[in-house]
Every structure is written in structure tokens, then in C-alpha cells.
Amino acid sequence: MTIQSQIFHRDVFKQATERPHSTRLFGRPTTDPKQQEAADFFLEHGMTREQMAERDRMIGRERFEDGVLADLKGEPPENICNTRGLSPKRARYARFFELRLRLAKELSDLETKKADFLALIEAPKATEVEIRREVVRSAAHLLGRDADNSGSAKRKALEERLAAERHSAEAAQEATPELDRAIEKAQLRLAHINSREDEFLIPAVIAVANESGLGELYLKKVDELRVVLDLVNGLANVARRQDCWSGFSGFEGAAGPGNAFAQLTTVKLPCPAMEAVKKAEAKLVLSHSGNTDVWKHLMQSLLLDPRHNAKNFIALPK
């Protein structure tokens, strides 16, 4: 692009974008019809012809992909496979899995056919080499170096084969563009369904967790933790003025001689996406309140008898 052309295009852009339109750009007119036509097009459409062509190409591509993937946007077909005995989430994943297998097989079959097409296209080359070999053999016979004079008959058979191979090769070349489009569509469909894997797999994994009883076990252990935490917090309350108390992890402030008792913040345990756990989510909140009675009774017992079997006061969960 010449310097004059660069200046012109810059000025046209400024004229199209400045508000109000600049009037100081008309001092450098051009007589090049192509540049004038390009400027008129830009002023009318707000873009160059190249930009418009790229925009149209992208729109066309989006429409093409939407058409190819339209039937894969929703749920897999209900009757695509037998899901008897499976929970709804696992049955849904099984249908997705079967659909993906079928799409993968469709692509594999098309790619195998493409390899067959390429073999058909390449076949005449090998036969042409064989024909050339028979020509050399016949030449050797004519020169008296080879007693075998079957080259002519072999060539005739080879040329008949070559004619058939060339026909097949031309047919394969004619069919290849359509096959390539089918492969592109199959690749898009398989890639799209693969991109949705988590949408079907994760709910199936959670369903298995629900079926295993993990949620119920989790709640049971949380209840046991609550008993233990109440004992620990109660101990912290009772022992807060003792010099031997070195502090308590998880408490705000510092527990020790001369300091106010550190208060444990409320703890909310994780709530995994399991039905049993979500129904009892409130049970996952552990407060700072503690069981001090057991420790006060223990202290009274030790005051009366230092050798008392004090462990009987502490009822730990089994």
C-alpha cells in the first residue's frame, strides 16, 4: 500500500468515526476508483469488504454448527439402551454413555471409509509401476537378454486392472469432499457430547454415594464429633484459669493465666451433595457451648479422693 493510500484510509476512518464528521479531510482527494469505492463501502457499512466477509463466514459457521448439534443439546433418547434396575441419575448417565459410544463408532466408521478411499486413490500408482516393469522386461527380451516374452500378455491384464483402478480412484476422489464433510460433522458431534460429560457423570457419582449410605454414616460421625467437642469445650471452660492450660487451638483470644477464656467460633462442617446430608444440614453446625458438668463432677470427685477411677465420668462415643 502506498503512502498516499495509507493516508487516505486513515482519513476515511477518522471521517467515519468522528462526531460531528470532520470537514478537514477533504483537502486530499483521490482519483483512484478502487480507493473511492472502498471508502464508500466503509462509510456505508462501517467495515471493509474483508471484515464483512469474515463476519459472514463466522455467522455461517455458527449456523452450520448449530444445525449439526441441534439434536444433542437436550437429553439422550430414553430408549437408546436398557436402564432397568438403575437409579434415575445412573440411568441418565447410562443413556449418555451409550449415545457417546454410538457417536464414536460413527466417526470411526467414517474414518475407516476415508482410509479405504485413500487406498483406492493410491492403487493405480502401484499398477503403473508393475506395467513399467513389464515394459522393461519386454525391452530386455527384444535385446536378447531375457527369454521371457510374456510381458505383453501381462501388460494387457495389468492395463485392464489399471482401468478399473483409475475408475475407482476417480469415484473415490469425487466422493471424498462429501465424506470429509461427514467426518467433520461427526467430529463436532463427538466433541460436543464429550464436553457434556460432567453434566451426566457427576450426578451419577453422587447417586452412587447416596446409595452407599455414606451420607448417613457422615451424619452419625458428626453426632459423635458433637459429643466429643462438647466434652473438649467443657474442659476448656473448666480449665481456663489453670496455669497448666497452654491454650486451645481454634479459639479466639488466648487462654491462660490472667486472660479471658478464649471463645470457640461456630464451626460449619462441609455439606456434600448427598440427599441424607442436605436434609439434615442444620446438624452440621457445631457451636462453642461445652459440657462443663462432667468436668465439675470430676473435680469434686478428685477433691474427695485423688485415687478415684475418674475416667468413669467421661462417656465417650463407642
C-alpha atoms as a PDB file:
ATOM      1  CA  MET A   1       0.000   0.000   0.000  1.00  0.00           C
ATOM      2  CA  THR A   2       1.390   3.391  -0.987  1.00  0.00           C
ATOM      3  CA  ILE A   3       1.845   6.239   1.473  1.00  0.00           C
ATOM      4  CA  GLN A   4      -0.982   8.129  -0.281  1.00  0.00           C
ATOM      5  CA  SER A   5      -3.274   5.122   0.099  1.00  0.00           C
ATOM      6  CA  GLN A   6      -2.397   4.753   3.803  1.00  0.00           C
ATOM      7  CA  ILE A   7      -3.192   8.420   4.428  1.00  0.00           C
ATOM      8  CA  PHE A   8      -6.476   8.100   2.570  1.00  0.00           C
ATOM      9  CA  HIS A   9      -7.632   5.073   4.547  1.00  0.00           C
ATOM     10  CA  ARG A  10      -6.682   6.761   7.804  1.00  0.00           C
ATOM     11  CA  ASP A  11      -8.648   9.849   6.852  1.00  0.00           C
ATOM     12  CA  VAL A  12     -11.679   7.810   5.810  1.00  0.00           C
ATOM     13  CA  PHE A  13     -11.648   6.021   9.158  1.00  0.00           C
ATOM     14  CA  LYS A  14     -11.454   9.327  11.011  1.00  0.00           C
ATOM     15  CA  GLN A  15     -14.273  10.749   8.932  1.00  0.00           C
ATOM     16  CA  ALA A  16     -16.461   7.744   9.682  1.00  0.00           C
ATOM     17  CA  THR A  17     -15.809   7.753  13.426  1.00  0.00           C
ATOM     18  CA  GLU A  18     -15.533  11.415  14.402  1.00  0.00           C
ATOM     19  CA  ARG A  19     -18.674  13.161  15.614  1.00  0.00           C
ATOM     20  CA  PRO A  20     -19.502  15.572  14.077  1.00  0.00           C
ATOM     21  CA  HIS A  21     -17.940  14.359  10.846  1.00  0.00           C
ATOM     22  CA  SER A  22     -14.673  16.091  10.228  1.00  0.00           C
ATOM     23  CA  THR A  23     -14.681  18.611   7.416  1.00  0.00           C
ATOM     24  CA  ARG A  24     -10.930  18.972   7.268  1.00  0.00           C
ATOM     25  CA  LEU A  25     -10.394  15.688   5.477  1.00  0.00           C
ATOM     26  CA  PHE A  26     -11.395  16.831   2.018  1.00  0.00           C
ATOM     27  CA  GLY A  27      -8.116  18.563   1.282  1.00  0.00           C
ATOM     28  CA  ARG A  28      -6.517  15.339  -0.008  1.00  0.00           C
ATOM     29  CA  PRO A  29      -8.879  13.942  -2.635  1.00  0.00           C
ATOM     30  CA  THR A  30      -8.067  10.758  -4.552  1.00  0.00           C
ATOM     31  CA  THR A  31      -8.894   9.803  -8.123  1.00  0.00           C
ATOM     32  CA  ASP A  32      -8.267   6.060  -7.665  1.00  0.00           C
ATOM     33  CA  PRO A  33     -11.659   4.389  -8.386  1.00  0.00           C
ATOM     34  CA  LYS A  34     -10.823   1.365  -6.206  1.00  0.00           C
ATOM     35  CA  GLN A  35      -9.960   3.546  -3.220  1.00  0.00           C
ATOM     36  CA  GLN A  36     -13.079   5.650  -3.730  1.00  0.00           C
ATOM     37  CA  GLU A  37     -15.243   2.516  -3.918  1.00  0.00           C
ATOM     38  CA  ALA A  38     -13.585   1.090  -0.796  1.00  0.00           C
ATOM     39  CA  ALA A  39     -14.164   4.375   1.055  1.00  0.00           C
ATOM     40  CA  ASP A  40     -17.827   4.478   0.022  1.00  0.00           C
ATOM     41  CA  PHE A  41     -18.298   0.876   1.151  1.00  0.00           C
ATOM     42  CA  PHE A  42     -16.676   1.584   4.534  1.00  0.00           C
ATOM     43  CA  LEU A  43     -18.791   4.710   5.104  1.00  0.00           C
ATOM     44  CA  GLU A  44     -21.965   2.788   4.257  1.00  0.00           C
ATOM     45  CA  HIS A  45     -21.302  -0.399   6.251  1.00  0.00           C
ATOM     46  CA  GLY A  46     -18.832   0.672   8.941  1.00  0.00           C
ATOM     47  CA  MET A  47     -16.370  -2.049   7.894  1.00  0.00           C
ATOM     48  CA  THR A  48     -14.229  -3.093   4.964  1.00  0.00           C
ATOM     49  CA  ARG A  49     -15.247  -5.770   2.482  1.00  0.00           C
ATOM     50  CA  GLU A  50     -12.706  -8.134   4.052  1.00  0.00           C
ATOM     51  CA  GLN A  51     -14.152  -7.548   7.516  1.00  0.00           C
ATOM     52  CA  MET A  52     -17.679  -8.132   6.246  1.00  0.00           C
ATOM     53  CA  ALA A  53     -16.607 -11.346   4.529  1.00  0.00           C
ATOM     54  CA  GLU A  54     -15.010 -12.610   7.763  1.00  0.00           C
ATOM     55  CA  ARG A  55     -18.129 -11.679   9.748  1.00  0.00           C
ATOM     56  CA  ASP A  56     -20.354 -13.537   7.282  1.00  0.00           C
ATOM     57  CA  ARG A  57     -18.028 -16.541   7.409  1.00  0.00           C
ATOM     58  CA  MET A  58     -18.248 -16.684  11.204  1.00  0.00           C
ATOM     59  CA  ILE A  59     -22.040 -16.351  11.154  1.00  0.00           C
ATOM     60  CA  GLY A  60     -22.253 -19.122   8.578  1.00  0.00           C
ATOM     61  CA  ARG A  61     -20.010 -21.340  10.687  1.00  0.00           C
ATOM     62  CA  GLU A  62     -22.129 -20.785  13.794  1.00  0.00           C
ATOM     63  CA  ARG A  63     -25.283 -21.677  11.878  1.00  0.00           C
ATOM     64  CA  PHE A  64     -23.610 -24.789  10.471  1.00  0.00           C
ATOM     65  CA  GLU A  65     -22.528 -25.986  13.930  1.00  0.00           C
ATOM     66  CA  ASP A  66     -25.936 -25.207  15.450  1.00  0.00           C
ATOM     67  CA  GLY A  67     -27.580 -27.353  12.776  1.00  0.00           C
ATOM     68  CA  VAL A  68     -25.132 -30.221  13.299  1.00  0.00           C
ATOM     69  CA  LEU A  69     -25.536 -30.206  17.099  1.00  0.00           C
ATOM     70  CA  ALA A  70     -29.242 -29.377  17.376  1.00  0.00           C
ATOM     71  CA  ASP A  71     -30.322 -32.894  18.418  1.00  0.00           C
ATOM     72  CA  LEU A  72     -27.516 -33.180  21.014  1.00  0.00           C
ATOM     73  CA  LYS A  73     -28.437 -30.124  23.104  1.00  0.00           C
ATOM     74  CA  GLY A  74     -31.038 -31.894  25.252  1.00  0.00           C
ATOM     75  CA  GLU A  75     -31.236 -35.265  26.974  1.00  0.00           C
ATOM     76  CA  PRO A  76     -30.156 -38.548  25.314  1.00  0.00           C
ATOM     77  CA  PRO A  77     -33.062 -40.588  23.877  1.00  0.00           C
ATOM     78  CA  GLU A  78     -34.969 -42.508  26.548  1.00  0.00           C
ATOM     79  CA  ASN A  79     -34.991 -45.743  24.555  1.00  0.00           C
ATOM     80  CA  ILE A  80     -31.352 -45.694  23.479  1.00  0.00           C
ATOM     81  CA  CYS A  81     -30.446 -48.516  25.883  1.00  0.00           C
ATOM     82  CA  ASN A  82     -31.813 -50.693  28.679  1.00  0.00           C
ATOM     83  CA  THR A  83     -31.527 -48.932  32.061  1.00  0.00           C
ATOM     84  CA  ARG A  84     -33.652 -51.314  34.100  1.00  0.00           C
ATOM     85  CA  GLY A  85     -32.551 -51.520  37.736  1.00  0.00           C
ATOM     86  CA  LEU A  86     -30.619 -48.253  37.718  1.00  0.00           C
ATOM     87  CA  SER A  87     -31.461 -45.169  39.744  1.00  0.00           C
ATOM     88  CA  PRO A  88     -32.638 -42.156  37.678  1.00  0.00           C
ATOM     89  CA  LYS A  89     -29.262 -40.373  37.734  1.00  0.00           C
ATOM     90  CA  ARG A  90     -27.338 -43.515  36.857  1.00  0.00           C
ATOM     91  CA  ALA A  91     -29.842 -44.378  34.131  1.00  0.00           C
ATOM     92  CA  ARG A  92     -29.383 -40.899  32.689  1.00  0.00           C
ATOM     93  CA  TYR A  93     -25.606 -41.389  32.602  1.00  0.00           C
ATOM     94  CA  ALA A  94     -26.023 -44.829  31.017  1.00  0.00           C
ATOM     95  CA  ARG A  95     -28.034 -43.255  28.181  1.00  0.00           C
ATOM     96  CA  PHE A  96     -25.364 -40.588  27.739  1.00  0.00           C
ATOM     97  CA  PHE A  97     -22.667 -43.274  27.717  1.00  0.00           C
ATOM     98  CA  GLU A  98     -24.476 -45.273  25.020  1.00  0.00           C
ATOM     99  CA  LEU A  99     -25.013 -42.159  22.913  1.00  0.00           C
ATOM    100  CA  ARG A 100     -21.320 -41.324  23.102  1.00  0.00           C
ATOM    101  CA  LEU A 101     -20.389 -44.875  22.099  1.00  0.00           C
ATOM    102  CA  ARG A 102     -22.600 -44.626  19.024  1.00  0.00           C
ATOM    103  CA  LEU A 103     -21.198 -41.253  18.015  1.00  0.00           C
ATOM    104  CA  ALA A 104     -17.641 -42.548  18.453  1.00  0.00           C
ATOM    105  CA  LYS A 105     -18.455 -45.582  16.283  1.00  0.00           C
ATOM    106  CA  GLU A 106     -19.974 -43.376  13.585  1.00  0.00           C
ATOM    107  CA  LEU A 107     -16.775 -41.329  13.466  1.00  0.00           C
ATOM    108  CA  SER A 108     -14.586 -44.437  13.482  1.00  0.00           C
ATOM    109  CA  ASP A 109     -16.561 -45.963  10.590  1.00  0.00           C
ATOM    110  CA  LEU A 110     -16.244 -42.765   8.569  1.00  0.00           C
ATOM    111  CA  GLU A 111     -12.506 -42.562   9.210  1.00  0.00           C
ATOM    112  CA  THR A 112     -12.133 -46.201   8.137  1.00  0.00           C
ATOM    113  CA  LYS A 113     -14.026 -45.402   4.949  1.00  0.00           C
ATOM    114  CA  LYS A 114     -11.728 -42.421   4.374  1.00  0.00           C
ATOM    115  CA  ALA A 115      -8.706 -44.735   4.660  1.00  0.00           C
ATOM    116  CA  ASP A 116     -10.340 -47.062   2.099  1.00  0.00           C
ATOM    117  CA  PHE A 117     -10.874 -44.091  -0.239  1.00  0.00           C
ATOM    118  CA  LEU A 118      -7.214 -43.107   0.053  1.00  0.00           C
ATOM    119  CA  ALA A 119      -6.203 -46.684  -0.750  1.00  0.00           C
ATOM    120  CA  LEU A 120      -8.383 -46.621  -3.863  1.00  0.00           C
ATOM    121  CA  ILE A 121      -6.857 -43.312  -4.938  1.00  0.00           C
ATOM    122  CA  GLU A 122      -3.316 -44.632  -4.498  1.00  0.00           C
ATOM    123  CA  ALA A 123      -3.932 -48.060  -6.113  1.00  0.00           C
ATOM    124  CA  PRO A 124      -3.285 -47.017  -9.752  1.00  0.00           C
ATOM    125  CA  LYS A 125       0.244 -45.881  -8.878  1.00  0.00           C
ATOM    126  CA  ALA A 126       1.297 -49.393  -7.873  1.00  0.00           C
ATOM    127  CA  THR A 127      -0.208 -50.896 -11.026  1.00  0.00           C
ATOM    128  CA  GLU A 128       1.563 -48.305 -13.179  1.00  0.00           C
ATOM    129  CA  VAL A 129       4.850 -49.386 -11.584  1.00  0.00           C
ATOM    130  CA  GLU A 130       4.084 -53.013 -12.473  1.00  0.00           C
ATOM    131  CA  ILE A 131       3.285 -52.033 -16.074  1.00  0.00           C
ATOM    132  CA  ARG A 132       6.582 -50.173 -16.315  1.00  0.00           C
ATOM    133  CA  ARG A 133       8.348 -53.272 -15.018  1.00  0.00           C
ATOM    134  CA  GLU A 134       6.769 -55.408 -17.788  1.00  0.00           C
ATOM    135  CA  VAL A 135       7.803 -52.819 -20.407  1.00  0.00           C
ATOM    136  CA  VAL A 136      11.429 -53.095 -19.218  1.00  0.00           C
ATOM    137  CA  ARG A 137      11.184 -56.900 -19.318  1.00  0.00           C
ATOM    138  CA  SER A 138       9.849 -56.841 -22.899  1.00  0.00           C
ATOM    139  CA  ALA A 139      12.670 -54.485 -23.890  1.00  0.00           C
ATOM    140  CA  ALA A 140      15.188 -56.934 -22.418  1.00  0.00           C
ATOM    141  CA  HIS A 141      13.584 -59.720 -24.456  1.00  0.00           C
ATOM    142  CA  LEU A 142      13.883 -57.688 -27.642  1.00  0.00           C
ATOM    143  CA  LEU A 143      17.559 -57.152 -26.902  1.00  0.00           C
ATOM    144  CA  GLY A 144      18.036 -60.866 -26.342  1.00  0.00           C
ATOM    145  CA  ARG A 145      18.822 -60.562 -22.638  1.00  0.00           C
ATOM    146  CA  ASP A 146      15.618 -62.237 -21.444  1.00  0.00           C
ATOM    147  CA  ALA A 147      13.948 -65.334 -22.881  1.00  0.00           C
ATOM    148  CA  ASP A 148      10.620 -64.488 -21.170  1.00  0.00           C
ATOM    149  CA  ASN A 149       8.266 -62.980 -23.751  1.00  0.00           C
ATOM    150  CA  SER A 150       5.152 -62.840 -21.523  1.00  0.00           C
ATOM    151  CA  GLY A 151       5.458 -59.108 -20.824  1.00  0.00           C
ATOM    152  CA  SER A 152       2.874 -58.172 -23.452  1.00  0.00           C
ATOM    153  CA  ALA A 153       0.200 -60.519 -22.114  1.00  0.00           C
ATOM    154  CA  LYS A 154       0.870 -59.467 -18.522  1.00  0.00           C
ATOM    155  CA  ARG A 155       0.670 -55.834 -19.508  1.00  0.00           C
ATOM    156  CA  LYS A 156      -2.718 -56.346 -21.087  1.00  0.00           C
ATOM    157  CA  ALA A 157      -4.056 -57.828 -17.830  1.00  0.00           C
ATOM    158  CA  LEU A 158      -2.414 -55.046 -15.850  1.00  0.00           C
ATOM    159  CA  GLU A 159      -3.915 -52.349 -18.055  1.00  0.00           C
ATOM    160  CA  GLU A 160      -7.373 -53.846 -17.594  1.00  0.00           C
ATOM    161  CA  ARG A 161      -6.793 -53.742 -13.842  1.00  0.00           C
ATOM    162  CA  LEU A 162      -5.425 -50.216 -14.094  1.00  0.00           C
ATOM    163  CA  ALA A 163      -8.519 -49.029 -15.958  1.00  0.00           C
ATOM    164  CA  ALA A 164     -10.755 -50.399 -13.208  1.00  0.00           C
ATOM    165  CA  GLU A 165      -8.500 -48.895 -10.509  1.00  0.00           C
ATOM    166  CA  ARG A 166      -8.483 -45.495 -12.176  1.00  0.00           C
ATOM    167  CA  HIS A 167     -12.263 -45.538 -12.354  1.00  0.00           C
ATOM    168  CA  SER A 168     -12.466 -46.398  -8.648  1.00  0.00           C
ATOM    169  CA  ALA A 169      -9.874 -43.733  -7.830  1.00  0.00           C
ATOM    170  CA  GLU A 170     -11.818 -41.062  -9.708  1.00  0.00           C
ATOM    171  CA  ALA A 171     -15.027 -42.124  -7.954  1.00  0.00           C
ATOM    172  CA  ALA A 172     -13.263 -42.003  -4.577  1.00  0.00           C
ATOM    173  CA  GLN A 173     -11.894 -38.529  -5.331  1.00  0.00           C
ATOM    174  CA  GLU A 174     -15.364 -37.386  -6.328  1.00  0.00           C
ATOM    175  CA  ALA A 175     -16.863 -38.759  -3.099  1.00  0.00           C
ATOM    176  CA  THR A 176     -14.073 -37.560  -0.780  1.00  0.00           C
ATOM    177  CA  PRO A 177     -15.329 -33.965  -0.217  1.00  0.00           C
ATOM    178  CA  GLU A 178     -18.733 -35.242   0.910  1.00  0.00           C
ATOM    179  CA  LEU A 179     -17.084 -37.832   3.146  1.00  0.00           C
ATOM    180  CA  ASP A 180     -14.834 -35.120   4.625  1.00  0.00           C
ATOM    181  CA  ARG A 181     -17.920 -33.064   5.489  1.00  0.00           C
ATOM    182  CA  ALA A 182     -19.495 -36.090   7.148  1.00  0.00           C
ATOM    183  CA  ILE A 183     -16.299 -36.665   9.167  1.00  0.00           C
ATOM    184  CA  GLU A 184     -16.221 -33.007  10.231  1.00  0.00           C
ATOM    185  CA  LYS A 185     -19.827 -33.245  11.413  1.00  0.00           C
ATOM    186  CA  ALA A 186     -19.116 -36.487  13.292  1.00  0.00           C
ATOM    187  CA  GLN A 187     -16.073 -34.891  14.971  1.00  0.00           C
ATOM    188  CA  LEU A 188     -18.135 -31.891  16.048  1.00  0.00           C
ATOM    189  CA  ARG A 189     -20.876 -34.110  17.449  1.00  0.00           C
ATOM    190  CA  LEU A 190     -18.477 -36.319  19.401  1.00  0.00           C
ATOM    191  CA  ALA A 191     -16.544 -33.312  20.744  1.00  0.00           C
ATOM    192  CA  HIS A 192     -19.797 -31.685  21.864  1.00  0.00           C
ATOM    193  CA  ILE A 193     -21.051 -34.771  23.683  1.00  0.00           C
ATOM    194  CA  ASN A 194     -17.634 -35.215  25.332  1.00  0.00           C
ATOM    195  CA  SER A 195     -17.831 -31.616  26.579  1.00  0.00           C
ATOM    196  CA  ARG A 196     -21.053 -32.518  28.426  1.00  0.00           C
ATOM    197  CA  GLU A 197     -19.550 -35.481  30.303  1.00  0.00           C
ATOM    198  CA  ASP A 198     -19.544 -33.888  33.768  1.00  0.00           C
ATOM    199  CA  GLU A 199     -23.195 -32.921  33.319  1.00  0.00           C
ATOM    200  CA  PHE A 200     -24.085 -36.626  33.381  1.00  0.00           C
ATOM    201  CA  LEU A 201     -21.165 -38.275  35.184  1.00  0.00           C
ATOM    202  CA  ILE A 202     -21.033 -36.161  38.350  1.00  0.00           C
ATOM    203  CA  PRO A 203     -24.729 -36.680  39.244  1.00  0.00           C
ATOM    204  CA  ALA A 204     -24.193 -40.418  38.709  1.00  0.00           C
ATOM    205  CA  VAL A 205     -21.219 -40.404  41.086  1.00  0.00           C
ATOM    206  CA  ILE A 206     -23.287 -38.569  43.707  1.00  0.00           C
ATOM    207  CA  ALA A 207     -26.092 -41.080  43.207  1.00  0.00           C
ATOM    208  CA  VAL A 208     -23.676 -43.915  43.979  1.00  0.00           C
ATOM    209  CA  ALA A 209     -22.565 -42.045  47.099  1.00  0.00           C
ATOM    210  CA  ASN A 210     -26.213 -41.784  48.161  1.00  0.00           C
ATOM    211  CA  GLU A 211     -26.785 -45.471  47.517  1.00  0.00           C
ATOM    212  CA  SER A 212     -23.684 -46.432  49.522  1.00  0.00           C
ATOM    213  CA  GLY A 213     -25.008 -44.946  52.767  1.00  0.00           C
ATOM    214  CA  LEU A 214     -22.093 -42.508  53.027  1.00  0.00           C
ATOM    215  CA  GLY A 215     -24.402 -39.608  53.907  1.00  0.00           C
ATOM    216  CA  GLU A 216     -25.965 -41.435  56.842  1.00  0.00           C
ATOM    217  CA  LEU A 217     -22.537 -42.501  58.105  1.00  0.00           C
ATOM    218  CA  TYR A 218     -21.292 -38.914  57.825  1.00  0.00           C
ATOM    219  CA  LEU A 219     -24.176 -37.621  59.956  1.00  0.00           C
ATOM    220  CA  LYS A 220     -23.575 -40.358  62.528  1.00  0.00           C
ATOM    221  CA  LYS A 221     -19.935 -39.397  62.848  1.00  0.00           C
ATOM    222  CA  VAL A 222     -20.855 -35.712  63.092  1.00  0.00           C
ATOM    223  CA  ASP A 223     -23.120 -36.553  66.033  1.00  0.00           C
ATOM    224  CA  GLU A 224     -20.232 -38.403  67.650  1.00  0.00           C
ATOM    225  CA  LEU A 225     -17.975 -35.421  66.991  1.00  0.00           C
ATOM    226  CA  ARG A 226     -20.541 -33.142  68.606  1.00  0.00           C
ATOM    227  CA  VAL A 227     -20.376 -35.223  71.833  1.00  0.00           C
ATOM    228  CA  VAL A 228     -16.580 -35.145  71.806  1.00  0.00           C
ATOM    229  CA  LEU A 229     -16.475 -31.410  71.027  1.00  0.00           C
ATOM    230  CA  ASP A 230     -18.863 -30.668  73.888  1.00  0.00           C
ATOM    231  CA  LEU A 231     -16.510 -32.519  76.235  1.00  0.00           C
ATOM    232  CA  VAL A 232     -13.461 -30.689  74.870  1.00  0.00           C
ATOM    233  CA  ASN A 233     -15.156 -27.283  75.075  1.00  0.00           C
ATOM    234  CA  GLY A 234     -16.390 -28.057  78.571  1.00  0.00           C
ATOM    235  CA  LEU A 235     -12.846 -28.945  79.599  1.00  0.00           C
ATOM    236  CA  ALA A 236     -11.655 -25.620  78.155  1.00  0.00           C
ATOM    237  CA  ASN A 237     -14.228 -23.771  80.240  1.00  0.00           C
ATOM    238  CA  VAL A 238     -13.352 -25.574  83.457  1.00  0.00           C
ATOM    239  CA  ALA A 239      -9.570 -25.425  82.996  1.00  0.00           C
ATOM    240  CA  ARG A 240      -9.340 -21.863  81.714  1.00  0.00           C
ATOM    241  CA  ARG A 241      -7.792 -20.496  84.951  1.00  0.00           C
ATOM    242  CA  GLN A 242      -5.255 -23.264  85.470  1.00  0.00           C
ATOM    243  CA  ASP A 243      -1.576 -22.427  84.889  1.00  0.00           C
ATOM    244  CA  CYS A 244      -1.094 -25.705  83.093  1.00  0.00           C
ATOM    245  CA  TRP A 245      -3.538 -24.720  80.362  1.00  0.00           C
ATOM    246  CA  SER A 246      -1.393 -23.744  77.371  1.00  0.00           C
ATOM    247  CA  GLY A 247      -4.049 -22.527  75.014  1.00  0.00           C
ATOM    248  CA  PHE A 248      -6.653 -24.067  72.788  1.00  0.00           C
ATOM    249  CA  SER A 249      -6.373 -24.357  69.034  1.00  0.00           C
ATOM    250  CA  GLY A 250      -9.422 -22.995  67.257  1.00  0.00           C
ATOM    251  CA  PHE A 251     -10.327 -20.475  69.950  1.00  0.00           C
ATOM    252  CA  GLU A 252     -10.373 -16.711  69.608  1.00  0.00           C
ATOM    253  CA  GLY A 253      -8.054 -14.927  72.023  1.00  0.00           C
ATOM    254  CA  ALA A 254      -5.548 -16.624  74.315  1.00  0.00           C
ATOM    255  CA  ALA A 255      -6.428 -18.959  77.140  1.00  0.00           C
ATOM    256  CA  GLY A 256      -4.100 -18.830  80.116  1.00  0.00           C
ATOM    257  CA  PRO A 257      -3.405 -17.195  83.450  1.00  0.00           C
ATOM    258  CA  GLY A 258      -4.856 -13.710  83.682  1.00  0.00           C
ATOM    259  CA  ASN A 259      -6.545 -13.880  80.274  1.00  0.00           C
ATOM    260  CA  ALA A 260     -10.196 -14.091  79.447  1.00  0.00           C
ATOM    261  CA  PHE A 261     -11.310 -17.529  78.295  1.00  0.00           C
ATOM    262  CA  ALA A 262     -10.990 -17.879  74.581  1.00  0.00           C
ATOM    263  CA  GLN A 263     -14.314 -18.417  72.810  1.00  0.00           C
ATOM    264  CA  LEU A 264     -14.557 -21.023  70.041  1.00  0.00           C
ATOM    265  CA  THR A 265     -16.172 -19.713  66.886  1.00  0.00           C
ATOM    266  CA  THR A 266     -19.106 -21.583  65.368  1.00  0.00           C
ATOM    267  CA  VAL A 267     -17.947 -24.342  63.042  1.00  0.00           C
ATOM    268  CA  LYS A 268     -19.931 -25.350  59.957  1.00  0.00           C
ATOM    269  CA  LEU A 269     -18.900 -28.702  58.576  1.00  0.00           C
ATOM    270  CA  PRO A 270     -18.976 -29.408  54.816  1.00  0.00           C
ATOM    271  CA  CYS A 271     -22.368 -30.283  53.366  1.00  0.00           C
ATOM    272  CA  PRO A 272     -21.738 -32.660  50.443  1.00  0.00           C
ATOM    273  CA  ALA A 273     -24.441 -33.009  47.810  1.00  0.00           C
ATOM    274  CA  MET A 274     -25.980 -36.161  49.245  1.00  0.00           C
ATOM    275  CA  GLU A 275     -29.690 -36.367  49.939  1.00  0.00           C
ATOM    276  CA  ALA A 276     -29.412 -37.561  53.547  1.00  0.00           C
ATOM    277  CA  VAL A 277     -26.893 -34.839  54.406  1.00  0.00           C
ATOM    278  CA  LYS A 278     -28.768 -31.988  52.704  1.00  0.00           C
ATOM    279  CA  LYS A 279     -31.942 -32.875  54.605  1.00  0.00           C
ATOM    280  CA  ALA A 280     -30.055 -32.612  57.893  1.00  0.00           C
ATOM    281  CA  GLU A 281     -27.803 -29.679  57.019  1.00  0.00           C
ATOM    282  CA  ALA A 282     -28.617 -27.888  60.282  1.00  0.00           C
ATOM    283  CA  LYS A 283     -26.907 -30.702  62.205  1.00  0.00           C
ATOM    284  CA  LEU A 284     -23.601 -29.778  60.609  1.00  0.00           C
ATOM    285  CA  VAL A 285     -23.287 -26.558  62.648  1.00  0.00           C
ATOM    286  CA  LEU A 286     -21.231 -27.045  65.826  1.00  0.00           C
ATOM    287  CA  SER A 287     -21.446 -24.280  68.443  1.00  0.00           C
ATOM    288  CA  HIS A 288     -18.922 -23.259  71.098  1.00  0.00           C
ATOM    289  CA  SER A 289     -21.078 -24.367  74.005  1.00  0.00           C
ATOM    290  CA  GLY A 290     -19.460 -27.126  76.018  1.00  0.00           C
ATOM    291  CA  ASN A 291     -20.354 -29.799  78.567  1.00  0.00           C
ATOM    292  CA  THR A 292     -18.882 -28.474  81.826  1.00  0.00           C
ATOM    293  CA  ASP A 293     -20.932 -30.616  84.215  1.00  0.00           C
ATOM    294  CA  VAL A 294     -18.908 -33.760  83.660  1.00  0.00           C
ATOM    295  CA  TRP A 295     -15.664 -31.917  84.419  1.00  0.00           C
ATOM    296  CA  LYS A 296     -17.060 -30.171  87.516  1.00  0.00           C
ATOM    297  CA  HIS A 297     -18.229 -33.528  88.870  1.00  0.00           C
ATOM    298  CA  LEU A 298     -14.820 -34.969  88.104  1.00  0.00           C
ATOM    299  CA  MET A 299     -13.136 -32.137  90.007  1.00  0.00           C
ATOM    300  CA  GLN A 300     -15.380 -32.731  93.002  1.00  0.00           C
ATOM    301  CA  SER A 301     -14.578 -36.442  92.873  1.00  0.00           C
ATOM    302  CA  LEU A 302     -10.841 -35.811  92.831  1.00  0.00           C
ATOM    303  CA  LEU A 303     -11.164 -33.396  95.746  1.00  0.00           C
ATOM    304  CA  LEU A 304     -12.741 -36.189  97.748  1.00  0.00           C
ATOM    305  CA  ASP A 305     -10.491 -38.990  96.548  1.00  0.00           C
ATOM    306  CA  PRO A 306      -7.394 -38.357  94.383  1.00  0.00           C
ATOM    307  CA  ARG A 307      -7.262 -42.095  93.544  1.00  0.00           C
ATOM    308  CA  HIS A 308     -10.852 -42.270  92.305  1.00  0.00           C
ATOM    309  CA  ASN A 309     -11.307 -44.012  88.944  1.00  0.00           C
ATOM    310  CA  ALA A 310     -12.172 -40.669  87.322  1.00  0.00           C
ATOM    311  CA  LYS A 311     -12.405 -41.993  83.777  1.00  0.00           C
ATOM    312  CA  ASN A 312     -15.857 -43.341  84.570  1.00  0.00           C
ATOM    313  CA  PHE A 313     -17.155 -39.763  84.462  1.00  0.00           C
ATOM    314  CA  ILE A 314     -16.246 -39.345  80.786  1.00  0.00           C
ATOM    315  CA  ALA A 315     -18.714 -41.102  78.484  1.00  0.00           C
ATOM    316  CA  LEU A 316     -17.015 -41.215  75.087  1.00  0.00           C
ATOM    317  CA  PRO A 317     -18.924 -42.408  71.993  1.00  0.00           C
ATOM    318  CA  LYS A 318     -18.222 -46.012  71.009  1.00  0.00           C
END
